[in-house]
């Protein structure tokens, strides 16, 4: 998982949480409670909160550096002017399923709708039930710092035609319910491939190297191979190694995850149920191994 750092530094980072403790501890309950669980699993707070600038939760402003320029996460609070307070559920569903804004313009795929498209309508409805109950914050969105022609949204229609397949996740009847749950979480909700899969020159995921890691992940840093390749991936990890890492961030060699993955563990996977962490481990241990050595960062 991306980045390692000494345990003391990792524990220090945990003190600066943006996510309220206990916000999503189970996957059961009413629509809003289920939505809170999905919200946490999807890591929405991390991308939509300016942590470095100590911005209000979910009010946008976090920078994401890419080869095409720097994008800034938008305000997703229910503020009617700066956030998504005027959206309907159908607006939300189209954004997540089709990558379309309420006015019909195309979103850039830094918003991981190519993964979120796999979420079921029922889960999207629960997620919406939770999000519309959040506190509104009237913080303006920061414009993306992206040069022409990558700042144009119209060409995204062609990009989608080439690389985007909309539609909810379809369970594999030949696999167990646990495997399918893990596949759904990894592929759609938690969108692990958005960071752990290499991209082509047009920013699309290289499906032939699913989860094989990349030297140029979010912010330009390396993201490791998490396929079961025994030499360059996690093929020597046990299921317990994986679930333990997802729960507390501890790696099999005694180190801890840091950087972006530290956030993912602390604000996301550590708050999942044991069953969901086990399902994720089952799926990851089953994907095709890809031999792909990713250089470790400094």
Protein backbone atom coordinates (compact mmCIF):
# COMPACT_ATOMS: atom_id res chain seq x y z
CA UNK A 1 0.00 0.00 0.00
CA UNK A 2 1.31 3.49 -0.76
CA UNK A 3 4.14 4.74 1.32
CA UNK A 4 5.69 3.57 4.59
CA UNK A 5 6.74 5.70 7.51
CA UNK A 6 7.92 5.08 11.07
CA UNK A 7 5.20 4.12 13.52
CA UNK A 8 5.55 7.30 15.57
CA UNK A 9 4.93 9.50 12.54
CA UNK A 10 1.99 7.36 11.52
CA UNK A 11 0.38 7.60 14.95
CA UNK A 12 0.91 11.36 14.94
CA UNK A 13 -0.96 11.58 11.64
CA UNK A 14 -3.91 9.75 13.14
CA UNK A 15 -4.51 12.62 15.54
CA UNK A 16 -5.53 14.91 12.69
CA UNK A 17 -8.77 13.17 11.70
CA UNK A 18 -11.45 14.84 9.67
CA UNK A 19 -13.95 12.02 10.14
CA UNK A 20 -16.01 11.86 13.34
CA UNK A 21 -15.35 8.77 15.42
CA UNK A 22 -18.02 6.10 15.20
CA UNK A 23 -19.71 7.65 12.15
CA UNK A 24 -19.96 4.32 10.38
CA UNK A 25 -19.21 1.22 12.37
CA UNK A 26 -21.64 -1.22 10.83
CA UNK A 27 -23.31 -1.85 7.51
CA UNK A 28 -26.80 -2.18 8.98
CA UNK A 29 -29.54 0.18 10.09
CA UNK A 30 -31.67 2.72 8.26
CA UNK A 31 -30.91 4.28 4.89
CA UNK A 32 -28.81 7.12 6.31
CA UNK A 33 -26.85 4.74 8.56
CA UNK A 34 -26.13 2.44 5.63
CA UNK A 35 -25.19 5.49 3.59
CA UNK A 36 -22.75 6.64 6.28
CA UNK A 37 -21.06 3.25 6.09
CA UNK A 38 -20.77 3.48 2.30
CA UNK A 39 -19.52 7.07 2.56
CA UNK A 40 -16.72 5.92 4.83
CA UNK A 41 -15.88 2.88 2.69
CA UNK A 42 -15.65 5.13 -0.37
CA UNK A 43 -13.26 7.56 1.31
CA UNK A 44 -15.34 10.57 0.33
CA UNK A 45 -14.09 12.74 3.19
CA UNK A 46 -10.45 12.37 2.11
CA UNK A 47 -10.89 13.69 -1.43
CA UNK A 48 -13.43 16.39 -0.56
CA UNK A 49 -11.73 17.92 2.47
CA UNK A 50 -8.77 20.30 2.31
CA UNK A 51 -6.85 18.57 5.08
CA UNK A 52 -3.56 20.42 4.46
CA UNK A 53 -5.37 23.77 4.56
CA UNK A 54 -7.46 22.75 7.59
CA UNK A 55 -10.63 23.35 5.61
CA UNK A 56 -14.11 22.37 6.81
CA UNK A 57 -15.03 18.71 6.26
CA UNK A 58 -16.40 17.94 2.80
CA UNK A 59 -16.28 21.58 1.66
CA UNK A 60 -13.74 20.85 -1.06
CA UNK A 61 -10.38 22.31 -1.95
CA UNK A 62 -8.06 19.31 -1.68
CA UNK A 63 -5.51 19.31 -4.50
CA UNK A 64 -4.92 16.27 -6.69
CA UNK A 65 -1.87 16.61 -8.92
CA UNK A 66 -1.97 14.73 -12.22
CA UNK A 67 0.04 14.75 -15.46
CA UNK A 68 -2.73 16.96 -16.90
CA UNK A 69 -2.72 19.59 -14.15
CA UNK A 70 -4.01 20.02 -10.62
CA UNK A 71 -7.64 19.28 -9.83
CA UNK A 72 -9.42 20.36 -6.65
CA UNK A 73 -12.10 18.32 -4.92
CA UNK A 74 -15.47 20.13 -4.93
CA UNK A 75 -17.77 21.03 -2.08
CA UNK A 76 -20.20 18.13 -1.56
CA UNK A 77 -22.07 19.52 1.44
CA UNK A 78 -25.78 20.36 0.98
CA UNK A 79 -25.11 24.08 0.66
CA UNK A 80 -27.53 25.25 -2.07
CA UNK A 81 -25.11 27.65 -3.74
CA UNK A 82 -21.59 26.24 -3.24
CA UNK A 83 -22.38 22.57 -2.71
CA UNK A 84 -24.93 20.06 -3.97
CA UNK A 85 -27.94 21.32 -2.03
CA UNK A 86 -30.02 21.88 -5.17
CA UNK A 87 -29.35 18.40 -6.55
CA UNK A 88 -32.03 15.74 -6.79
CA UNK A 89 -31.33 12.07 -6.26
CA UNK A 90 -31.43 11.61 -10.01
CA UNK A 91 -28.72 14.28 -10.38
CA UNK A 92 -26.63 12.36 -7.88
CA UNK A 93 -27.26 9.02 -9.54
CA UNK A 94 -26.28 10.37 -12.96
CA UNK A 95 -23.08 11.83 -11.54
CA UNK A 96 -22.08 8.55 -9.93
CA UNK A 97 -23.33 6.21 -12.64
CA UNK A 98 -22.63 8.25 -15.80
CA UNK A 99 -20.13 10.94 -14.82
CA UNK A 100 -22.54 13.73 -15.76
CA UNK A 101 -23.20 17.01 -13.94
CA UNK A 102 -26.80 18.23 -13.48
CA UNK A 103 -26.34 20.53 -16.50
CA UNK A 104 -25.28 17.57 -18.64
CA UNK A 105 -21.58 18.44 -18.82
CA UNK A 106 -19.02 15.68 -18.38
CA UNK A 107 -17.00 15.22 -15.23
CA UNK A 108 -13.28 14.59 -15.49
CA UNK A 109 -12.38 11.05 -14.38
CA UNK A 110 -10.37 12.35 -11.42
CA UNK A 111 -13.85 11.98 -9.93
CA UNK A 112 -13.78 8.17 -9.92
CA UNK A 113 -17.15 7.60 -11.56
CA UNK A 114 -15.58 4.87 -13.74
CA UNK A 115 -15.54 2.86 -10.49
CA UNK A 116 -18.59 4.34 -8.73
CA UNK A 117 -20.70 3.40 -11.74
CA UNK A 118 -20.62 -0.13 -10.34
CA UNK A 119 -22.56 0.81 -7.21
CA UNK A 120 -26.10 -0.50 -7.02
CA UNK A 121 -29.06 1.86 -7.16
CA UNK A 122 -29.99 0.81 -3.63
CA UNK A 123 -26.55 1.75 -2.31
CA UNK A 124 -26.61 5.04 -4.19
CA UNK A 125 -29.99 5.82 -2.61
CA UNK A 126 -28.63 5.07 0.85
CA UNK A 127 -25.54 7.16 0.22
CA UNK A 128 -27.73 10.06 -0.91
CA UNK A 129 -29.92 9.71 2.17
CA UNK A 130 -26.84 10.20 4.32
CA UNK A 131 -25.27 13.02 2.31
CA UNK A 132 -28.36 15.21 2.19
CA UNK A 133 -28.39 15.22 5.99
CA UNK A 134 -24.86 16.64 6.33
CA UNK A 135 -24.22 20.18 7.53
CA UNK A 136 -24.04 22.71 4.65
CA UNK A 137 -20.86 24.76 4.28
CA UNK A 138 -20.86 27.87 2.05
CA UNK A 139 -17.30 27.51 0.81
CA UNK A 140 -16.78 28.28 -2.92
CA UNK A 141 -15.19 25.65 -5.10
CA UNK A 142 -11.66 26.26 -6.26
CA UNK A 143 -11.22 26.18 -10.07
CA UNK A 144 -9.03 23.42 -11.46
CA UNK A 145 -5.55 24.43 -12.55
CA UNK A 146 -5.53 22.55 -15.83
CA UNK A 147 -4.22 23.88 -19.13
CA UNK A 148 -5.91 23.70 -22.54
CA UNK A 149 -6.95 21.28 -24.05
CA UNK A 150 -7.29 19.16 -20.92
CA UNK A 151 -9.51 21.79 -19.32
CA UNK A 152 -12.25 21.18 -21.90
CA UNK A 153 -15.09 18.93 -20.80
CA UNK A 154 -16.60 18.26 -24.23
CA UNK A 155 -13.80 15.87 -25.32
CA UNK A 156 -14.66 13.72 -22.32
CA UNK A 157 -17.53 12.32 -24.41
CA UNK A 158 -14.93 10.73 -26.68
CA UNK A 159 -12.88 9.58 -23.70
CA UNK A 160 -15.94 7.86 -22.27
CA UNK A 161 -16.68 6.19 -25.59
CA UNK A 162 -13.17 4.73 -25.60
CA UNK A 163 -12.66 3.83 -21.96
CA UNK A 164 -15.84 4.02 -19.88
CA UNK A 165 -18.37 1.21 -19.37
CA UNK A 166 -21.29 2.42 -17.23
CA UNK A 167 -23.45 0.08 -15.25
CA UNK A 168 -23.77 -1.54 -11.84
CA UNK A 169 -21.57 -4.40 -10.65
CA UNK A 170 -22.76 -7.82 -11.78
CA UNK A 171 -22.11 -10.66 -9.37
CA UNK A 172 -20.30 -13.75 -10.61
CA UNK A 173 -22.61 -16.72 -9.93
CA UNK A 174 -19.63 -19.07 -9.97
CA UNK A 175 -18.12 -17.28 -6.96
CA UNK A 176 -19.10 -17.18 -3.31
CA UNK A 177 -21.17 -14.34 -1.82
CA UNK A 178 -18.08 -13.32 0.16
CA UNK A 179 -15.95 -13.09 -2.98
CA UNK A 180 -18.61 -11.05 -4.76
CA UNK A 181 -18.89 -8.71 -1.79
CA UNK A 182 -15.12 -8.20 -1.83
CA UNK A 183 -15.12 -7.63 -5.58
CA UNK A 184 -17.91 -5.07 -5.24
CA UNK A 185 -16.12 -3.18 -2.49
CA UNK A 186 -12.74 -3.17 -4.27
CA UNK A 187 -13.99 -2.45 -7.77
CA UNK A 188 -16.86 -0.04 -7.08
CA UNK A 189 -17.28 1.40 -3.58
CA UNK A 190 -13.68 1.67 -2.36
CA UNK A 191 -12.44 2.12 -5.97
CA UNK A 192 -9.03 0.65 -5.11
CA UNK A 193 -8.05 0.37 -8.77
CA UNK A 194 -8.18 4.14 -9.21
CA UNK A 195 -4.91 4.37 -7.24
CA UNK A 196 -3.44 0.89 -7.63
CA UNK A 197 -3.86 0.41 -11.40
CA UNK A 198 -1.49 2.00 -13.96
CA UNK A 199 -2.96 4.44 -16.47
CA UNK A 200 -2.37 5.04 -20.15
CA UNK A 201 -1.37 8.36 -21.68
CA UNK A 202 -4.97 9.53 -21.75
CA UNK A 203 -5.49 8.85 -18.06
CA UNK A 204 -7.56 5.68 -18.45
CA UNK A 205 -6.94 2.64 -16.27
CA UNK A 206 -4.87 -0.14 -17.86
CA UNK A 207 -7.31 -3.01 -17.32
CA UNK A 208 -4.66 -5.58 -18.31
CA UNK A 209 -2.66 -4.56 -15.22
CA UNK A 210 -5.54 -4.34 -12.76
CA UNK A 211 -4.20 -3.45 -9.28
CA UNK A 212 -0.57 -3.93 -10.41
CA UNK A 213 0.63 -0.64 -8.94
CA UNK A 214 2.11 2.47 -10.48
CA UNK A 215 5.07 4.78 -10.01
CA UNK A 216 2.77 7.79 -10.55
CA UNK A 217 -0.12 7.57 -8.14
CA UNK A 218 -2.08 10.41 -6.52
CA UNK A 219 0.26 13.33 -5.95
CA UNK A 220 2.91 11.69 -8.12
CA UNK A 221 4.07 9.11 -5.59
CA UNK A 222 4.39 5.34 -6.06
CA UNK A 223 1.49 3.01 -5.31
CA UNK A 224 2.33 -0.67 -4.83
CA UNK A 225 1.26 -3.77 -6.67
CA UNK A 226 -1.54 -5.49 -4.74
CA UNK A 227 -2.04 -8.45 -7.06
CA UNK A 228 -1.03 -11.88 -5.70
CA UNK A 229 2.28 -11.94 -7.57
CA UNK A 230 4.71 -13.51 -5.05
CA UNK A 231 7.68 -11.33 -5.96
CA UNK A 232 6.31 -7.90 -6.84
CA UNK A 233 2.86 -8.00 -5.22
CA UNK A 234 1.23 -9.44 -2.12
CA UNK A 235 1.36 -13.10 -3.12
CA UNK A 236 3.25 -14.05 0.04
CA UNK A 237 0.69 -12.35 2.31
CA UNK A 238 -1.83 -14.46 4.17
CA UNK A 239 -5.49 -13.55 4.43
CA UNK A 240 -4.81 -12.56 8.03
CA UNK A 241 -1.97 -10.28 6.89
CA UNK A 242 -4.38 -8.47 4.60
CA UNK A 243 -7.23 -8.10 7.05
CA UNK A 244 -4.84 -6.94 9.78
CA UNK A 245 -3.38 -4.30 7.49
CA UNK A 246 -6.87 -3.09 6.57
CA UNK A 247 -7.83 -2.93 10.24
CA UNK A 248 -4.81 -1.18 11.79
CA UNK A 249 -2.34 -0.44 8.96
CA UNK A 250 0.32 -2.91 10.10
CA UNK A 251 2.29 -4.63 7.34
CA UNK A 252 3.63 -8.21 7.56
CA UNK A 253 7.19 -6.90 7.99
CA UNK A 254 6.19 -4.84 11.03
CA UNK A 255 6.16 -1.50 9.21
CA UNK A 256 3.01 0.56 8.86
CA UNK A 257 1.27 2.12 5.90
CA UNK A 258 1.55 5.87 5.51
CA UNK A 259 0.68 8.78 3.24
CA UNK A 260 -2.56 8.28 1.31
CA UNK A 261 -2.97 4.66 2.40
CA UNK A 262 -2.61 5.73 6.02
CA UNK A 263 -5.66 7.94 5.49
CA UNK A 264 -7.51 5.13 3.77
CA UNK A 265 -6.94 2.78 6.69
CA UNK A 266 -7.65 5.28 9.45
CA UNK A 267 -10.71 6.91 7.89
CA UNK A 268 -11.98 3.98 5.85
CA UNK A 269 -11.00 0.32 6.05
CA UNK A 270 -10.49 0.34 9.83
CA UNK A 271 -14.19 1.27 10.16
CA UNK A 272 -15.46 -1.57 7.99
CA UNK A 273 -16.93 -4.72 9.47
CA UNK A 274 -14.66 -7.72 9.95
CA UNK A 275 -16.75 -9.52 7.34
CA UNK A 276 -16.13 -6.84 4.74
CA UNK A 277 -12.39 -6.76 5.40
CA UNK A 278 -12.34 -10.55 5.06
CA UNK A 279 -14.28 -10.29 1.77
CA UNK A 280 -11.80 -7.74 0.42
CA UNK A 281 -8.91 -10.05 1.33
CA UNK A 282 -10.60 -13.00 -0.37
CA UNK A 283 -11.08 -11.03 -3.57
CA UNK A 284 -7.56 -9.55 -3.65
CA UNK A 285 -5.98 -12.96 -3.16
CA UNK A 286 -7.96 -14.27 -6.15
CA UNK A 287 -7.21 -11.71 -8.86
CA UNK A 288 -4.76 -12.51 -11.65
CA UNK A 289 -1.18 -11.99 -10.45
CA UNK A 290 0.72 -9.40 -12.44
CA UNK A 291 4.50 -9.19 -12.24
CA UNK A 292 5.12 -5.46 -12.01
CA UNK A 293 7.87 -4.00 -9.86
CA UNK A 294 6.97 -0.54 -8.53
CA UNK A 295 9.90 1.49 -7.19
CA UNK A 296 9.48 2.44 -3.55
CA UNK A 297 9.39 6.11 -2.71
CA UNK A 298 12.01 7.95 -0.69
